[in-house]
Amino acid sequence: MKILADQNMPLVEQYFADFGEVTRFDGRNLSPQELVDVDVLLTRSVTKVNSSLLAQANKLSFVGTATIGVDHIDTQLLENKGIAFSSAPGCNAIAVAEYVISSLFALSQENAKPLSGQTIGIVGVGNIGSCLAKKLKALNVDVLLCDPIKHEQGLLAEHVALDELLERVDAVSFHVPLIKSGEHKTLHLMDEKRLSALKPGLTVINASRGEVINNQALLTLMEQGADLDLVLDVWENEPNILTSLLDHVRYASVHIAGHTLEGKARGTQMLYHALCNLKEVTGEKSLADFLPTPAITSITLEPSFTEADIARLVHLIYDVRRDDGILLRNLANDGFDSLRKNYPVRREFSTLKVHGSKEQLNSLAQLGFNTAN
């Protein structure tokens, strides 16, 4: 069996070598010729799987994307061709939620404004939005949720309409899929009109799809002196982003919110299990077999540890300002895709075992730290 895998997907050889030969490819530059005699294609979000790409795919039986979103995959085409397909829903939910929490704490520190007591809005309450909401509720903040689709399905009674949510919150974080048309279109969900109505001092975080926010309209607004704190991990027209917008963004990164070692590896593992199911074999490999031990594994809290110290603990594991600095210093020379490809290792809160009193550990456990005895 010939397996073609994105060069940025971790642990493919470890998981898939028993199935056959693994060859790597550049996600943005995969050609139809490379799919000749290939049985399995493993992609990430930068590869458009469409009729053009599959024109010479004479043996393809399985396509997997190690991502939550599937807007880069023509799933109907795969179904028509009888090609099995799997994505990795929820694989990086923890990572993205921790990116948002790191950003909120960084802004809280720099703005000298406690996070406690703020109202945070989450737009899109799927795997990521739900995970973020659970973590935020450990931090003494109010959380408002917006997801009209789930609300209409009877799955979100506490839904708040977007425009009302934007009026009530101190920060809003977007976690919606890219939907290009229809009643619940998210393409330019934040258009010129909605952006212009944002209240001064609002924090806007986008770690979903760049096209959810009209980047040119946002730039125009910021150049006119809008008072907004922007945290942007995703951009329109990646990798050729609107670089002039960087001057107005508090924290910017190269579409890596979900790129913890654990998050990316979970995506690979989920595709491995999907192929195992397809081939009717038992999938016996797990993340614990491959992930390295982090440099810091344990910490003990003193009685003086308070809620205000949680930010320090969060940033011990991951500080979004590192990635902002990497982008600003190196984008011009290295380019967006190179920075993404060479993203430094990042771990999740769960890799740190925290020892302390029961009262101290309750909120840390909900945040995702390892508080097991």
Protein backbone atom coordinates (compact mmCIF):
# COMPACT_ATOMS: atom_id res chain seq x y z
CA MET A 1 0.00 0.00 0.00
CA LYS A 2 1.29 3.48 -0.93
CA ILE A 3 0.54 6.21 1.60
CA LEU A 4 1.00 9.90 0.78
CA ALA A 5 1.09 12.20 3.81
CA ASP A 6 1.45 15.93 4.42
CA GLN A 7 4.98 16.83 5.52
CA ASN A 8 3.65 18.67 8.58
CA MET A 9 1.65 15.74 9.96
CA PRO A 10 3.45 14.18 12.93
CA LEU A 11 3.97 10.48 13.68
CA VAL A 12 2.65 9.21 10.34
CA GLU A 13 5.48 6.72 9.93
CA GLN A 14 5.01 5.48 13.49
CA TYR A 15 1.29 4.94 13.05
CA PHE A 16 1.01 3.86 9.40
CA ALA A 17 4.23 2.00 8.58
CA ASP A 18 2.53 -1.35 9.15
CA PHE A 19 0.10 -0.53 6.34
CA GLY A 20 2.75 0.27 3.74
CA GLU A 21 5.27 2.79 2.42
CA VAL A 22 4.85 6.40 3.59
CA THR A 23 5.88 9.28 1.32
CA ARG A 24 5.68 12.93 2.37
CA PHE A 25 4.47 15.88 0.27
CA ASP A 26 4.31 19.68 0.43
CA GLY A 27 0.70 20.44 1.32
CA ARG A 28 0.33 23.51 -0.87
CA ASN A 29 2.07 22.03 -3.90
CA LEU A 30 0.69 18.52 -4.32
CA SER A 31 0.29 17.64 -8.00
CA PRO A 32 -2.18 15.18 -9.60
CA GLN A 33 0.78 13.14 -10.90
CA GLU A 34 1.88 12.38 -7.35
CA LEU A 35 -1.38 10.51 -6.73
CA VAL A 36 -0.80 7.87 -9.38
CA ASP A 37 -0.90 4.40 -7.72
CA VAL A 38 -1.44 5.98 -4.27
CA ASP A 39 -3.85 4.10 -1.98
CA VAL A 40 -4.09 6.50 0.97
CA LEU A 41 -3.92 10.31 1.04
CA LEU A 42 -3.42 12.05 4.41
CA THR A 43 -3.79 15.83 4.28
CA ARG A 44 -4.09 18.98 6.34
CA SER A 45 -6.11 22.12 5.64
CA VAL A 46 -3.76 23.65 3.04
CA THR A 47 -4.42 20.93 0.45
CA LYS A 48 -7.52 21.33 -1.75
CA VAL A 49 -8.81 17.84 -2.49
CA ASN A 50 -10.94 18.33 -5.61
CA SER A 51 -11.53 16.86 -9.08
CA SER A 52 -8.39 18.51 -10.44
CA LEU A 53 -6.13 16.99 -7.78
CA LEU A 54 -7.70 13.54 -8.10
CA ALA A 55 -7.61 13.45 -11.92
CA GLN A 56 -4.90 10.75 -11.95
CA ALA A 57 -5.73 9.04 -8.64
CA ASN A 58 -6.26 5.55 -10.08
CA LYS A 59 -6.03 3.51 -6.85
CA LEU A 60 -7.08 5.91 -4.11
CA SER A 61 -9.32 4.21 -1.53
CA PHE A 62 -9.01 6.46 1.55
CA VAL A 63 -8.60 10.20 2.13
CA GLY A 64 -8.08 11.56 5.62
CA THR A 65 -7.61 15.11 6.85
CA ALA A 66 -6.00 15.58 10.26
CA THR A 67 -8.15 18.65 10.85
CA ILE A 68 -11.53 19.55 12.27
CA GLY A 69 -12.61 21.61 9.25
CA VAL A 70 -13.36 19.93 5.92
CA ASP A 71 -14.02 22.95 3.68
CA HIS A 72 -10.85 22.05 1.73
CA ILE A 73 -12.24 18.60 0.86
CA ASP A 74 -14.83 17.89 -1.86
CA THR A 75 -16.57 15.23 0.19
CA GLN A 76 -19.30 14.72 -2.40
CA LEU A 77 -16.66 13.95 -5.00
CA LEU A 78 -15.10 11.33 -2.73
CA GLU A 79 -18.48 9.76 -2.09
CA ASN A 80 -19.22 9.65 -5.80
CA LYS A 81 -15.90 7.94 -6.43
CA GLY A 82 -16.40 5.44 -3.62
CA ILE A 83 -13.37 6.77 -1.73
CA ALA A 84 -13.62 6.45 2.05
CA PHE A 85 -13.11 9.69 3.97
CA SER A 86 -12.37 10.68 7.55
CA SER A 87 -11.60 13.93 9.32
CA ALA A 88 -10.42 14.48 12.89
CA PRO A 89 -13.18 16.35 14.72
CA GLY A 90 -12.06 17.57 18.11
CA CYS A 91 -8.40 16.64 17.67
CA ASN A 92 -7.13 20.14 18.40
CA ALA A 93 -10.00 21.49 20.51
CA ILE A 94 -7.88 21.55 23.67
CA ALA A 95 -4.99 23.26 21.89
CA VAL A 96 -7.14 26.04 20.41
CA ALA A 97 -8.93 26.61 23.71
CA GLU A 98 -5.56 26.93 25.46
CA TYR A 99 -4.38 29.38 22.77
CA VAL A 100 -7.38 31.59 23.56
CA ILE A 101 -6.86 31.35 27.32
CA SER A 102 -3.17 32.21 26.97
CA SER A 103 -4.15 35.24 24.88
CA LEU A 104 -6.76 36.44 27.37
CA PHE A 105 -4.32 36.18 30.25
CA ALA A 106 -1.60 37.99 28.27
CA LEU A 107 -3.98 40.85 27.50
CA SER A 108 -5.09 40.92 31.10
CA GLN A 109 -1.49 41.30 32.24
CA GLU A 110 -0.54 43.94 29.68
CA ASN A 111 -3.75 45.94 30.06
CA ALA A 112 -3.66 45.67 33.86
CA LYS A 113 -7.26 44.49 33.76
CA PRO A 114 -8.16 41.35 35.73
CA LEU A 115 -9.70 38.57 33.67
CA SER A 116 -11.91 37.67 36.61
CA GLY A 117 -15.32 39.29 36.26
CA GLN A 118 -15.13 39.84 32.51
CA THR A 119 -17.73 38.58 30.05
CA ILE A 120 -16.38 36.41 27.24
CA GLY A 121 -18.37 35.55 24.12
CA ILE A 122 -17.86 32.36 22.13
CA VAL A 123 -19.20 32.25 18.58
CA GLY A 124 -19.47 28.66 17.41
CA VAL A 125 -20.06 26.01 20.05
CA GLY A 126 -18.74 22.86 18.43
CA ASN A 127 -15.86 20.81 19.80
CA ILE A 128 -13.58 23.83 20.26
CA GLY A 129 -16.17 26.31 21.48
CA SER A 130 -17.54 23.81 24.00
CA CYS A 131 -14.04 22.99 25.26
CA LEU A 132 -13.22 26.69 25.63
CA ALA A 133 -16.46 27.40 27.48
CA LYS A 134 -15.74 24.65 29.99
CA LYS A 135 -12.24 25.95 30.64
CA LEU A 136 -13.33 29.59 30.93
CA LYS A 137 -15.94 28.73 33.54
CA ALA A 138 -13.05 27.81 35.83
CA LEU A 139 -11.79 31.40 35.74
CA ASN A 140 -14.65 33.33 37.35
CA VAL A 141 -15.77 34.89 34.08
CA ASP A 142 -19.23 35.07 32.53
CA VAL A 143 -19.54 33.16 29.24
CA LEU A 144 -22.05 33.93 26.48
CA LEU A 145 -22.57 31.43 23.67
CA CYS A 146 -23.68 32.03 20.08
CA ASP A 147 -24.47 29.17 17.72
CA PRO A 148 -27.72 29.63 15.76
CA ILE A 149 -27.48 26.19 14.13
CA LYS A 150 -27.22 24.35 17.44
CA HIS A 151 -29.95 26.59 18.86
CA GLU A 152 -32.32 25.69 16.02
CA GLN A 153 -31.51 22.02 16.61
CA GLY A 154 -32.52 22.39 20.24
CA LEU A 155 -28.96 21.80 21.43
CA LEU A 156 -28.17 25.25 22.86
CA ALA A 157 -30.89 26.80 24.96
CA GLU A 158 -28.62 29.61 26.20
CA HIS A 159 -27.87 30.90 22.67
CA VAL A 160 -27.36 34.67 22.36
CA ALA A 161 -27.72 36.33 18.95
CA LEU A 162 -24.41 37.59 17.57
CA ASP A 163 -25.14 41.30 17.56
CA GLU A 164 -26.49 41.19 21.11
CA LEU A 165 -23.47 39.15 22.22
CA LEU A 166 -21.06 41.68 20.72
CA GLU A 167 -22.72 44.47 22.70
CA ARG A 168 -22.48 42.60 26.02
CA VAL A 169 -18.99 41.07 26.04
CA ASP A 170 -15.48 42.26 26.88
CA ALA A 171 -13.94 39.73 24.49
CA VAL A 172 -15.25 37.55 21.68
CA SER A 173 -13.62 34.43 20.26
CA PHE A 174 -14.67 32.88 16.94
CA HIS A 175 -14.77 29.09 16.45
CA VAL A 176 -17.04 28.60 13.45
CA PRO A 177 -16.51 26.59 10.27
CA LEU A 178 -16.25 28.42 6.97
CA ILE A 179 -19.71 28.42 5.38
CA LYS A 180 -19.77 30.35 2.12
CA SER A 181 -23.50 30.69 1.49
CA GLY A 182 -26.95 30.21 2.97
CA GLU A 183 -28.77 31.41 6.04
CA HIS A 184 -25.86 30.66 8.35
CA LYS A 185 -23.05 31.91 6.14
CA THR A 186 -19.85 32.64 8.07
CA LEU A 187 -17.85 34.06 5.15
CA HIS A 188 -17.30 37.68 6.26
CA LEU A 189 -19.53 37.10 9.27
CA MET A 190 -17.69 40.12 10.60
CA ASP A 191 -18.24 42.43 7.64
CA GLU A 192 -17.70 46.17 7.39
CA LYS A 193 -21.05 46.99 9.01
CA ARG A 194 -20.63 44.66 11.96
CA LEU A 195 -16.99 45.62 12.50
CA SER A 196 -17.86 49.32 12.50
CA ALA A 197 -20.43 48.74 15.24
CA LEU A 198 -17.97 47.12 17.67
CA LYS A 199 -17.66 48.95 20.96
CA PRO A 200 -14.31 50.50 21.97
CA GLY A 201 -12.03 48.31 24.05
CA LEU A 202 -13.41 45.00 22.76
CA THR A 203 -11.02 42.08 22.32
CA VAL A 204 -11.57 40.14 19.08
CA ILE A 205 -9.96 36.69 18.75
CA ASN A 206 -10.14 34.66 15.56
CA ALA A 207 -8.75 31.12 15.62
CA SER A 208 -11.24 29.58 13.19
CA ARG A 209 -10.96 30.61 9.53
CA GLY A 210 -9.45 33.83 8.26
CA GLU A 211 -12.37 34.53 5.95
CA VAL A 212 -14.75 34.85 8.91
CA ILE A 213 -13.48 38.43 9.29
CA ASN A 214 -13.22 40.81 6.33
CA ASN A 215 -9.53 41.60 6.76
CA GLN A 216 -9.50 44.63 4.47
CA ALA A 217 -12.49 46.15 6.24
CA LEU A 218 -10.80 45.46 9.58
CA LEU A 219 -7.61 47.15 8.40
CA THR A 220 -9.53 50.21 7.24
CA LEU A 221 -11.30 50.42 10.58
CA MET A 222 -8.07 50.13 12.56
CA GLU A 223 -6.35 52.74 10.39
CA GLN A 224 -9.21 55.07 11.29
CA GLY A 225 -8.29 54.66 14.95
CA ALA A 226 -10.63 51.95 16.20
CA ASP A 227 -9.91 50.90 19.78
CA LEU A 228 -9.87 47.10 19.51
CA ASP A 229 -7.51 44.45 20.86
CA LEU A 230 -7.00 41.96 18.01
CA VAL A 231 -5.70 38.41 18.35
CA LEU A 232 -5.49 36.81 14.91
CA ASP A 233 -4.21 33.30 14.27
CA VAL A 234 -5.98 32.94 10.91
CA TRP A 235 -6.04 35.26 7.91
CA GLU A 236 -7.69 35.75 4.58
CA ASN A 237 -5.65 34.56 1.60
CA GLU A 238 -3.15 32.49 3.57
CA PRO A 239 -0.21 32.32 3.07
CA ASN A 240 -0.32 35.72 1.32
CA ILE A 241 -1.80 37.59 4.24
CA LEU A 242 -2.57 41.29 4.52
CA THR A 243 0.70 42.20 6.22
CA SER A 244 -0.30 45.84 6.81
CA LEU A 245 -2.87 44.54 9.30
CA LEU A 246 -0.06 43.23 11.51
CA ASP A 247 0.67 46.76 12.72
CA HIS A 248 -2.74 46.79 14.41
CA VAL A 249 -2.82 43.30 15.94
CA ARG A 250 -1.86 42.71 19.57
CA TYR A 251 -0.96 39.04 19.05
CA ALA A 252 -0.55 37.50 15.61
CA SER A 253 0.34 33.93 14.65
CA VAL A 254 0.55 31.73 11.58
CA HIS A 255 -2.56 29.52 11.88
CA ILE A 256 -1.05 27.45 14.69
CA ALA A 257 -3.64 27.78 17.48
CA GLY A 258 -4.29 24.05 17.29
CA HIS A 259 -0.66 23.01 16.83
CA THR A 260 0.24 21.48 20.13
CA LEU A 261 2.20 18.27 19.83
CA GLU A 262 -0.76 16.47 21.37
CA GLY A 263 -3.33 18.15 19.12
CA LYS A 264 -1.56 17.36 15.86
CA ALA A 265 -0.74 13.82 16.99
CA ARG A 266 -4.39 13.21 17.92
CA GLY A 267 -5.32 14.03 14.35
CA THR A 268 -2.88 11.45 13.03
CA GLN A 269 -4.11 8.90 15.55
CA MET A 270 -7.76 9.45 14.57
CA LEU A 271 -6.95 8.84 10.90
CA TYR A 272 -4.99 5.73 11.86
CA HIS A 273 -8.02 4.33 13.67
CA ALA A 274 -10.28 5.26 10.74
CA LEU A 275 -8.06 3.31 8.34
CA CYS A 276 -7.89 0.41 10.79
CA ASN A 277 -11.68 0.31 10.84
CA LEU A 278 -11.82 0.45 7.06
CA LYS A 279 -9.35 -2.44 6.75
CA GLU A 280 -10.97 -4.31 9.65
CA VAL A 281 -7.82 -4.53 11.71
CA THR A 282 -7.30 -3.69 15.39
CA GLY A 283 -5.62 -0.35 16.02
CA GLU A 284 -3.25 -0.98 18.91
CA LYS A 285 -1.03 2.12 18.79
CA SER A 286 -1.66 5.17 21.00
CA LEU A 287 -0.16 8.60 21.72
CA ALA A 288 1.47 7.34 24.90
CA ASP A 289 3.68 5.13 22.73
CA PHE A 290 5.27 8.08 20.94
CA LEU A 291 5.01 11.42 22.74
CA PRO A 292 8.19 12.59 24.52
CA THR A 293 8.31 13.52 28.18
CA PRO A 294 8.18 17.35 28.53
CA ALA A 295 10.99 19.25 30.20
CA ILE A 296 8.82 20.27 33.16
CA THR A 297 6.47 17.59 34.42
CA SER A 298 5.53 18.59 37.96
CA ILE A 299 5.05 21.66 40.13
CA THR A 300 3.96 22.23 43.73
CA LEU A 301 1.84 25.20 44.73
CA GLU A 302 2.48 27.08 47.96
CA PRO A 303 -0.45 28.21 50.14
CA SER A 304 0.09 31.75 48.83
CA PHE A 305 -0.97 30.68 45.31
CA THR A 306 -4.09 32.59 44.29
CA GLU A 307 -6.32 33.03 41.27
CA ALA A 308 -4.02 35.81 40.08
CA ASP A 309 -1.18 33.30 39.78
CA ILE A 310 -3.07 31.09 37.33
CA ALA A 311 -1.85 33.26 34.45
CA ARG A 312 1.77 32.50 35.39
CA LEU A 313 1.02 28.78 35.41
CA VAL A 314 -0.71 29.01 32.01
CA HIS A 315 2.22 30.89 30.50
CA LEU A 316 4.69 28.43 31.97
CA ILE A 317 3.24 25.94 29.49
CA TYR A 318 2.35 28.31 26.64
CA ASP A 319 2.60 32.07 26.16
CA VAL A 320 1.03 33.34 22.91
CA ARG A 321 3.50 36.23 22.89
CA ARG A 322 6.23 33.80 21.83
CA ASP A 323 4.40 33.07 18.59
CA ASP A 324 3.60 36.73 18.01
CA GLY A 325 7.31 37.52 18.26
CA ILE A 326 8.24 34.69 15.89
CA LEU A 327 5.85 35.98 13.24
CA LEU A 328 6.82 39.64 13.50
CA ARG A 329 10.57 38.96 13.44
CA ASN A 330 10.64 36.32 10.73
CA LEU A 331 7.68 36.64 8.37
CA ALA A 332 9.44 38.86 5.84
CA ASN A 333 12.42 36.53 5.47
CA ASP A 334 10.91 33.08 6.04
CA GLY A 335 7.33 33.39 4.86
CA PHE A 336 4.04 32.24 6.40
CA ASP A 337 4.23 28.59 5.38
CA SER A 338 7.83 28.16 6.47
CA LEU A 339 7.03 29.53 9.93
CA ARG A 340 4.07 27.17 10.14
CA LYS A 341 6.11 24.20 9.00
CA ASN A 342 8.89 24.93 11.48
CA TYR A 343 6.63 25.80 14.40
CA PRO A 344 8.43 25.07 17.69
CA VAL A 345 7.16 22.30 19.92
CA ARG A 346 4.27 23.31 22.15
CA ARG A 347 2.63 21.14 24.80
CA GLU A 348 -0.74 21.21 26.54
CA PHE A 349 -1.67 22.07 30.13
CA SER A 350 -2.29 18.38 30.84
CA THR A 351 1.43 17.64 30.59
CA LEU A 352 2.02 19.47 33.88
CA LYS A 353 1.23 17.64 37.13
CA VAL A 354 0.18 20.19 39.76
CA HIS A 355 0.32 19.45 43.48
CA GLY A 356 -1.54 21.61 45.97
CA SER A 357 -4.59 21.90 48.17
CA LYS A 358 -8.00 20.71 47.03
CA GLU A 359 -9.23 24.29 46.79
CA GLN A 360 -6.28 25.30 44.59
CA LEU A 361 -6.63 22.32 42.30
CA ASN A 362 -10.35 22.51 41.54
CA SER A 363 -10.14 25.30 38.97
CA LEU A 364 -6.81 24.06 37.59
CA ALA A 365 -8.32 20.64 36.91
CA GLN A 366 -11.16 22.26 34.95
CA LEU A 367 -8.60 24.26 32.99
CA GLY A 368 -6.98 21.00 31.97
CA PHE A 369 -3.93 20.70 34.22
CA ASN A 370 -3.08 17.27 35.56
CA THR A 371 -4.17 17.28 39.21
CA ALA A 372 -4.48 13.52 39.68
CA ASN A 373 -2.98 12.12 42.88
